[in-house]
Amino acid sequence: MNGLAAPRFISYIPLTDLPPDPANPKKHEVERIIASVKDHGFIDTPVVDERTSLVIAGHGRREALIEMQVRGEPVPDGLLLDDDGGWLVPVTRGWASVSDRQAHAVLILLNRLPMAGGWDSRALAAILEDLATSDADLFDSLCISDDEMEQLLREVDPEGLPQGPDGADAPDKELLDGDFPDDGYSDSGGDNERAGTVCCPDCGHQFTPGR
């Protein structure tokens, strides 16, 4: 094994046996997480620290599942039921911290890393324009407001970009971290009521986001 630790693995454990880290500083928009789970199933598995047996990633998902169970929602896709009707949650196992300080550092790191790279504005705009015009329900599940969509399209509009010394368009600007919601698990608010039309800079198509 070349000295490698045991591999990571997925294990289904009772939701009631998934204890949070009381030191977790991350806030969550539970209603948005619930909506995402109902729309797409339970996809992103929590991670448990083998040393402490506490959740190291997935506190918001845990909280959302508990709230769904309290409300009497059906078991989401991706979970299982035990013989007593309890919810069994898939979690990633096999990683252990060496100290509480490392556990807390990793807890913060796993929340910060997904947003660290920003977005490729033009690629993001192309995907969102396709979703908005072909599948409004999927677009709505992203909770993107009119203002956010219009800001993104301004970012990729060649007429709004500075010109280079040779007259060519400057490279696309990337959105700064936090300027655009991440994957439905962010803390950014989302006004999902969209009434105006916007223009895709790639194809020139005018469309109304959502319905």
C-alpha atoms as a PDB file:
ATOM      1  CA  MET A   1       0.000   0.000   0.000  1.00  0.00           C
ATOM      2  CA  ASN A   2       3.099   2.277  -0.028  1.00  0.00           C
ATOM      3  CA  GLY A   3       2.200   3.608   3.409  1.00  0.00           C
ATOM      4  CA  LEU A   4      -1.088   5.100   2.206  1.00  0.00           C
ATOM      5  CA  ALA A   5      -3.982   5.405   4.643  1.00  0.00           C
ATOM      6  CA  ALA A   6      -7.187   3.450   4.118  1.00  0.00           C
ATOM      7  CA  PRO A   7      -9.212   4.704   1.173  1.00  0.00           C
ATOM      8  CA  ARG A   8     -12.244   6.920   1.520  1.00  0.00           C
ATOM      9  CA  PHE A   9     -15.602   5.182   1.304  1.00  0.00           C
ATOM     10  CA  ILE A  10     -19.326   5.922   1.420  1.00  0.00           C
ATOM     11  CA  SER A  11     -21.353   4.565   4.309  1.00  0.00           C
ATOM     12  CA  TYR A  12     -25.054   4.994   5.076  1.00  0.00           C
ATOM     13  CA  ILE A  13     -25.688   6.000   8.675  1.00  0.00           C
ATOM     14  CA  PRO A  14     -28.833   7.142  10.531  1.00  0.00           C
ATOM     15  CA  LEU A  15     -29.514  10.857  10.291  1.00  0.00           C
ATOM     16  CA  THR A  16     -29.813  10.854  14.084  1.00  0.00           C
ATOM     17  CA  ASP A  17     -26.231   9.535  14.323  1.00  0.00           C
ATOM     18  CA  LEU A  18     -24.773  12.449  12.347  1.00  0.00           C
ATOM     19  CA  PRO A  19     -23.618  14.882  15.071  1.00  0.00           C
ATOM     20  CA  PRO A  20     -22.552  18.417  14.060  1.00  0.00           C
ATOM     21  CA  ASP A  21     -19.402  20.115  15.240  1.00  0.00           C
ATOM     22  CA  PRO A  22     -20.608  22.669  17.834  1.00  0.00           C
ATOM     23  CA  ALA A  23     -17.768  24.988  16.783  1.00  0.00           C
ATOM     24  CA  ASN A  24     -19.004  25.199  13.167  1.00  0.00           C
ATOM     25  CA  PRO A  25     -19.151  28.936  12.226  1.00  0.00           C
ATOM     26  CA  LYS A  26     -20.883  28.549   8.831  1.00  0.00           C
ATOM     27  CA  LYS A  27     -24.415  29.868   8.407  1.00  0.00           C
ATOM     28  CA  HIS A  28     -26.827  28.201   5.969  1.00  0.00           C
ATOM     29  CA  GLU A  29     -29.900  29.034   3.935  1.00  0.00           C
ATOM     30  CA  VAL A  30     -31.789  25.906   4.926  1.00  0.00           C
ATOM     31  CA  GLU A  31     -34.817  26.605   2.741  1.00  0.00           C
ATOM     32  CA  ARG A  32     -32.647  26.850  -0.364  1.00  0.00           C
ATOM     33  CA  ILE A  33     -30.900  23.603   0.520  1.00  0.00           C
ATOM     34  CA  ILE A  34     -34.277  21.915   1.045  1.00  0.00           C
ATOM     35  CA  ALA A  35     -35.460  23.174  -2.346  1.00  0.00           C
ATOM     36  CA  SER A  36     -32.281  21.866  -3.998  1.00  0.00           C
ATOM     37  CA  VAL A  37     -32.669  18.430  -2.400  1.00  0.00           C
ATOM     38  CA  LYS A  38     -36.311  18.260  -3.478  1.00  0.00           C
ATOM     39  CA  ASP A  39     -35.448  19.353  -7.033  1.00  0.00           C
ATOM     40  CA  HIS A  40     -32.331  17.270  -7.625  1.00  0.00           C
ATOM     41  CA  GLY A  41     -32.019  14.713  -4.840  1.00  0.00           C
ATOM     42  CA  PHE A  42     -29.322  14.426  -2.179  1.00  0.00           C
ATOM     43  CA  ILE A  43     -26.088  14.644  -4.167  1.00  0.00           C
ATOM     44  CA  ASP A  44     -23.262  16.096  -2.091  1.00  0.00           C
ATOM     45  CA  THR A  45     -22.493  13.705   0.752  1.00  0.00           C
ATOM     46  CA  PRO A  46     -21.397  15.009   4.169  1.00  0.00           C
ATOM     47  CA  VAL A  47     -17.964  14.101   5.525  1.00  0.00           C
ATOM     48  CA  VAL A  48     -17.396  12.648   8.992  1.00  0.00           C
ATOM     49  CA  ASP A  49     -14.150  13.060  10.927  1.00  0.00           C
ATOM     50  CA  GLU A  50     -13.195   9.576  12.106  1.00  0.00           C
ATOM     51  CA  ARG A  51     -11.268  10.943  15.097  1.00  0.00           C
ATOM     52  CA  THR A  52     -14.145  12.975  16.541  1.00  0.00           C
ATOM     53  CA  SER A  53     -17.125  11.265  14.824  1.00  0.00           C
ATOM     54  CA  LEU A  54     -18.404  14.787  14.092  1.00  0.00           C
ATOM     55  CA  VAL A  55     -19.481  16.243  10.764  1.00  0.00           C
ATOM     56  CA  ILE A  56     -16.536  18.031   9.124  1.00  0.00           C
ATOM     57  CA  ALA A  57     -18.524  19.085   6.022  1.00  0.00           C
ATOM     58  CA  GLY A  58     -22.275  19.071   5.441  1.00  0.00           C
ATOM     59  CA  HIS A  59     -23.790  20.858   8.423  1.00  0.00           C
ATOM     60  CA  GLY A  60     -26.312  22.693   6.268  1.00  0.00           C
ATOM     61  CA  ARG A  61     -27.342  19.521   4.467  1.00  0.00           C
ATOM     62  CA  ARG A  62     -27.775  17.761   7.805  1.00  0.00           C
ATOM     63  CA  GLU A  63     -29.922  20.615   9.116  1.00  0.00           C
ATOM     64  CA  ALA A  64     -32.021  20.630   5.950  1.00  0.00           C
ATOM     65  CA  LEU A  65     -32.670  16.872   6.123  1.00  0.00           C
ATOM     66  CA  ILE A  66     -33.727  17.116   9.771  1.00  0.00           C
ATOM     67  CA  GLU A  67     -36.166  19.907   8.898  1.00  0.00           C
ATOM     68  CA  MET A  68     -37.557  17.916   5.968  1.00  0.00           C
ATOM     69  CA  GLN A  69     -38.096  14.894   8.201  1.00  0.00           C
ATOM     70  CA  VAL A  70     -39.843  17.027  10.845  1.00  0.00           C
ATOM     71  CA  ARG A  71     -42.166  18.396   8.157  1.00  0.00           C
ATOM     72  CA  GLY A  72     -43.095  14.884   7.075  1.00  0.00           C
ATOM     73  CA  GLU A  73     -41.480  15.162   3.648  1.00  0.00           C
ATOM     74  CA  PRO A  74     -40.898  11.892   1.768  1.00  0.00           C
ATOM     75  CA  VAL A  75     -37.406  10.450   1.941  1.00  0.00           C
ATOM     76  CA  PRO A  76     -35.278  12.280  -0.667  1.00  0.00           C
ATOM     77  CA  ASP A  77     -33.643  10.520  -3.589  1.00  0.00           C
ATOM     78  CA  GLY A  78     -30.194   9.407  -2.475  1.00  0.00           C
ATOM     79  CA  LEU A  79     -31.194   8.410   1.053  1.00  0.00           C
ATOM     80  CA  LEU A  80     -32.368   5.029   2.313  1.00  0.00           C
ATOM     81  CA  LEU A  81     -34.890   3.940   4.961  1.00  0.00           C
ATOM     82  CA  ASP A  82     -34.057   1.614   7.823  1.00  0.00           C
ATOM     83  CA  ASP A  83     -36.462  -1.017   9.147  1.00  0.00           C
ATOM     84  CA  ASP A  84     -38.072   1.525  11.472  1.00  0.00           C
ATOM     85  CA  GLY A  85     -38.556   4.170   8.786  1.00  0.00           C
ATOM     86  CA  GLY A  86     -35.564   6.243   9.840  1.00  0.00           C
ATOM     87  CA  TRP A  87     -33.544   8.112   7.230  1.00  0.00           C
ATOM     88  CA  LEU A  88     -30.114   6.724   6.349  1.00  0.00           C
ATOM     89  CA  VAL A  89     -27.721   9.330   4.970  1.00  0.00           C
ATOM     90  CA  PRO A  90     -24.712   8.589   2.713  1.00  0.00           C
ATOM     91  CA  VAL A  91     -21.550  10.059   4.229  1.00  0.00           C
ATOM     92  CA  THR A  92     -17.915  10.028   3.211  1.00  0.00           C
ATOM     93  CA  ARG A  93     -15.761   8.148   5.726  1.00  0.00           C
ATOM     94  CA  GLY A  94     -12.071   7.379   6.094  1.00  0.00           C
ATOM     95  CA  TRP A  95     -10.556  10.789   6.915  1.00  0.00           C
ATOM     96  CA  ALA A  96      -9.374  11.600  10.442  1.00  0.00           C
ATOM     97  CA  SER A  97      -8.029  14.856  11.804  1.00  0.00           C
ATOM     98  CA  VAL A  98      -4.952  14.829  14.005  1.00  0.00           C
ATOM     99  CA  SER A  99      -6.180  17.597  16.321  1.00  0.00           C
ATOM    100  CA  ASP A 100      -9.151  19.846  17.001  1.00  0.00           C
ATOM    101  CA  ARG A 101      -7.251  22.725  15.394  1.00  0.00           C
ATOM    102  CA  GLN A 102      -6.800  20.791  12.163  1.00  0.00           C
ATOM    103  CA  ALA A 103     -10.442  19.720  12.208  1.00  0.00           C
ATOM    104  CA  HIS A 104     -11.571  23.338  12.537  1.00  0.00           C
ATOM    105  CA  ALA A 105      -9.153  24.514   9.843  1.00  0.00           C
ATOM    106  CA  VAL A 106     -10.451  21.861   7.429  1.00  0.00           C
ATOM    107  CA  LEU A 107     -14.038  22.712   8.338  1.00  0.00           C
ATOM    108  CA  ILE A 108     -13.442  26.302   7.219  1.00  0.00           C
ATOM    109  CA  LEU A 109     -11.344  25.309   4.219  1.00  0.00           C
ATOM    110  CA  LEU A 110     -14.007  22.998   2.783  1.00  0.00           C
ATOM    111  CA  ASN A 111     -16.501  25.866   2.858  1.00  0.00           C
ATOM    112  CA  ARG A 112     -14.114  28.362   1.244  1.00  0.00           C
ATOM    113  CA  LEU A 113     -12.570  26.263  -1.523  1.00  0.00           C
ATOM    114  CA  PRO A 114     -15.650  25.919  -3.806  1.00  0.00           C
ATOM    115  CA  MET A 115     -15.869  29.717  -4.228  1.00  0.00           C
ATOM    116  CA  ALA A 116     -12.143  30.402  -4.492  1.00  0.00           C
ATOM    117  CA  GLY A 117     -11.814  30.161  -8.278  1.00  0.00           C
ATOM    118  CA  GLY A 118     -14.580  32.495  -9.377  1.00  0.00           C
ATOM    119  CA  TRP A 119     -16.406  31.812 -12.663  1.00  0.00           C
ATOM    120  CA  ASP A 120     -15.641  31.725 -16.374  1.00  0.00           C
ATOM    121  CA  SER A 121     -18.194  34.415 -17.175  1.00  0.00           C
ATOM    122  CA  ARG A 122     -18.820  33.528 -20.825  1.00  0.00           C
ATOM    123  CA  ALA A 123     -19.155  29.786 -20.186  1.00  0.00           C
ATOM    124  CA  LEU A 124     -21.481  30.428 -17.253  1.00  0.00           C
ATOM    125  CA  ALA A 125     -23.618  32.835 -19.270  1.00  0.00           C
ATOM    126  CA  ALA A 126     -23.953  30.317 -22.112  1.00  0.00           C
ATOM    127  CA  ILE A 127     -25.183  27.580 -19.759  1.00  0.00           C
ATOM    128  CA  LEU A 128     -27.621  29.880 -17.966  1.00  0.00           C
ATOM    129  CA  GLU A 129     -28.989  31.275 -21.231  1.00  0.00           C
ATOM    130  CA  ASP A 130     -29.635  27.730 -22.436  1.00  0.00           C
ATOM    131  CA  LEU A 131     -31.368  26.776 -19.181  1.00  0.00           C
ATOM    132  CA  ALA A 132     -33.452  29.946 -19.091  1.00  0.00           C
ATOM    133  CA  THR A 133     -34.762  29.445 -22.620  1.00  0.00           C
ATOM    134  CA  SER A 134     -35.147  25.646 -22.644  1.00  0.00           C
ATOM    135  CA  ASP A 135     -35.947  24.510 -19.090  1.00  0.00           C
ATOM    136  CA  ALA A 136     -37.373  27.206 -16.827  1.00  0.00           C
ATOM    137  CA  ASP A 137     -37.774  24.823 -13.900  1.00  0.00           C
ATOM    138  CA  LEU A 138     -34.065  24.003 -13.841  1.00  0.00           C
ATOM    139  CA  PHE A 139     -33.191  27.671 -14.192  1.00  0.00           C
ATOM    140  CA  ASP A 140     -35.557  28.567 -11.345  1.00  0.00           C
ATOM    141  CA  SER A 141     -33.877  25.979  -9.106  1.00  0.00           C
ATOM    142  CA  LEU A 142     -30.706  28.127  -9.216  1.00  0.00           C
ATOM    143  CA  CYS A 143     -32.503  31.086  -7.537  1.00  0.00           C
ATOM    144  CA  ILE A 144     -30.811  33.652  -9.777  1.00  0.00           C
ATOM    145  CA  SER A 145     -32.338  37.124  -9.744  1.00  0.00           C
ATOM    146  CA  ASP A 146     -32.806  39.487 -12.708  1.00  0.00           C
ATOM    147  CA  ASP A 147     -30.065  41.747 -11.393  1.00  0.00           C
ATOM    148  CA  GLU A 148     -27.567  38.890 -11.073  1.00  0.00           C
ATOM    149  CA  MET A 149     -28.320  37.648 -14.580  1.00  0.00           C
ATOM    150  CA  GLU A 150     -28.053  41.099 -16.107  1.00  0.00           C
ATOM    151  CA  GLN A 151     -24.786  41.733 -14.261  1.00  0.00           C
ATOM    152  CA  LEU A 152     -23.356  38.493 -15.628  1.00  0.00           C
ATOM    153  CA  LEU A 153     -24.372  39.349 -19.195  1.00  0.00           C
ATOM    154  CA  ARG A 154     -22.767  42.770 -18.840  1.00  0.00           C
ATOM    155  CA  GLU A 155     -19.564  41.027 -17.807  1.00  0.00           C
ATOM    156  CA  VAL A 156     -19.407  39.119 -21.107  1.00  0.00           C
ATOM    157  CA  ASP A 157     -20.774  41.802 -23.450  1.00  0.00           C
ATOM    158  CA  PRO A 158     -17.856  42.780 -25.736  1.00  0.00           C
ATOM    159  CA  GLU A 159     -19.189  46.362 -26.006  1.00  0.00           C
ATOM    160  CA  GLY A 160     -18.865  46.721 -22.255  1.00  0.00           C
ATOM    161  CA  LEU A 161     -15.267  45.502 -22.084  1.00  0.00           C
ATOM    162  CA  PRO A 162     -12.186  47.751 -22.419  1.00  0.00           C
ATOM    163  CA  GLN A 163     -10.430  47.624 -25.798  1.00  0.00           C
ATOM    164  CA  GLY A 164      -6.849  46.488 -26.115  1.00  0.00           C
ATOM    165  CA  PRO A 165      -4.176  48.650 -27.764  1.00  0.00           C
ATOM    166  CA  ASP A 166      -4.650  46.838 -31.078  1.00  0.00           C
ATOM    167  CA  GLY A 167      -8.416  47.376 -31.063  1.00  0.00           C
ATOM    168  CA  ALA A 168      -9.182  43.774 -30.120  1.00  0.00           C
ATOM    169  CA  ASP A 169     -11.575  42.943 -27.344  1.00  0.00           C
ATOM    170  CA  ALA A 170      -9.911  42.464 -23.975  1.00  0.00           C
ATOM    171  CA  PRO A 171     -10.228  39.049 -22.373  1.00  0.00           C
ATOM    172  CA  ASP A 172     -13.438  38.302 -20.531  1.00  0.00           C
ATOM    173  CA  LYS A 173     -13.485  39.490 -16.961  1.00  0.00           C
ATOM    174  CA  GLU A 174     -14.241  36.903 -14.312  1.00  0.00           C
ATOM    175  CA  LEU A 175     -16.781  37.592 -11.609  1.00  0.00           C
ATOM    176  CA  LEU A 176     -15.273  38.260  -8.218  1.00  0.00           C
ATOM    177  CA  ASP A 177     -15.864  35.733  -5.443  1.00  0.00           C
ATOM    178  CA  GLY A 178     -19.296  36.245  -3.952  1.00  0.00           C
ATOM    179  CA  ASP A 179     -20.655  38.218  -6.953  1.00  0.00           C
ATOM    180  CA  PHE A 180     -22.650  35.232  -8.126  1.00  0.00           C
ATOM    181  CA  PRO A 181     -24.268  32.396  -6.121  1.00  0.00           C
ATOM    182  CA  ASP A 182     -22.382  29.096  -6.073  1.00  0.00           C
ATOM    183  CA  ASP A 183     -24.309  25.783  -6.253  1.00  0.00           C
ATOM    184  CA  GLY A 184     -27.472  26.463  -4.327  1.00  0.00           C
ATOM    185  CA  TYR A 185     -25.707  26.101  -0.972  1.00  0.00           C
ATOM    186  CA  SER A 186     -24.444  29.687  -0.691  1.00  0.00           C
ATOM    187  CA  ASP A 187     -25.585  32.239   1.866  1.00  0.00           C
ATOM    188  CA  SER A 188     -26.438  34.835  -0.799  1.00  0.00           C
ATOM    189  CA  GLY A 189     -30.037  35.876  -1.001  1.00  0.00           C
ATOM    190  CA  GLY A 190     -31.983  35.114  -4.167  1.00  0.00           C
ATOM    191  CA  ASP A 191     -34.925  37.011  -5.625  1.00  0.00           C
ATOM    192  CA  ASN A 192     -36.430  34.433  -7.926  1.00  0.00           C
ATOM    193  CA  GLU A 193     -38.965  36.742  -9.515  1.00  0.00           C
ATOM    194  CA  ARG A 194     -37.754  37.681 -12.988  1.00  0.00           C
ATOM    195  CA  ALA A 195     -39.831  39.804 -15.287  1.00  0.00           C
ATOM    196  CA  GLY A 196     -37.449  41.625 -17.669  1.00  0.00           C
ATOM    197  CA  THR A 197     -35.786  40.401 -20.826  1.00  0.00           C
ATOM    198  CA  VAL A 198     -32.048  40.131 -21.276  1.00  0.00           C
ATOM    199  CA  CYS A 199     -29.854  39.611 -24.319  1.00  0.00           C
ATOM    200  CA  CYS A 200     -27.279  36.840 -24.654  1.00  0.00           C
ATOM    201  CA  PRO A 201     -23.998  38.375 -25.919  1.00  0.00           C
ATOM    202  CA  ASP A 202     -23.050  35.182 -27.761  1.00  0.00           C
ATOM    203  CA  CYS A 203     -26.153  34.720 -29.924  1.00  0.00           C
ATOM    204  CA  GLY A 204     -28.036  38.016 -29.489  1.00  0.00           C
ATOM    205  CA  HIS A 205     -31.157  36.138 -28.393  1.00  0.00           C
ATOM    206  CA  GLN A 206     -33.595  38.109 -26.239  1.00  0.00           C
ATOM    207  CA  PHE A 207     -35.130  35.998 -23.478  1.00  0.00           C
ATOM    208  CA  THR A 208     -36.947  36.248 -20.187  1.00  0.00           C
ATOM    209  CA  PRO A 209     -35.226  34.322 -17.398  1.00  0.00           C
ATOM    210  CA  GLY A 210     -37.596  31.964 -15.606  1.00  0.00           C
ATOM    211  CA  ARG A 211     -41.304  32.194 -16.240  1.00  0.00           C
END
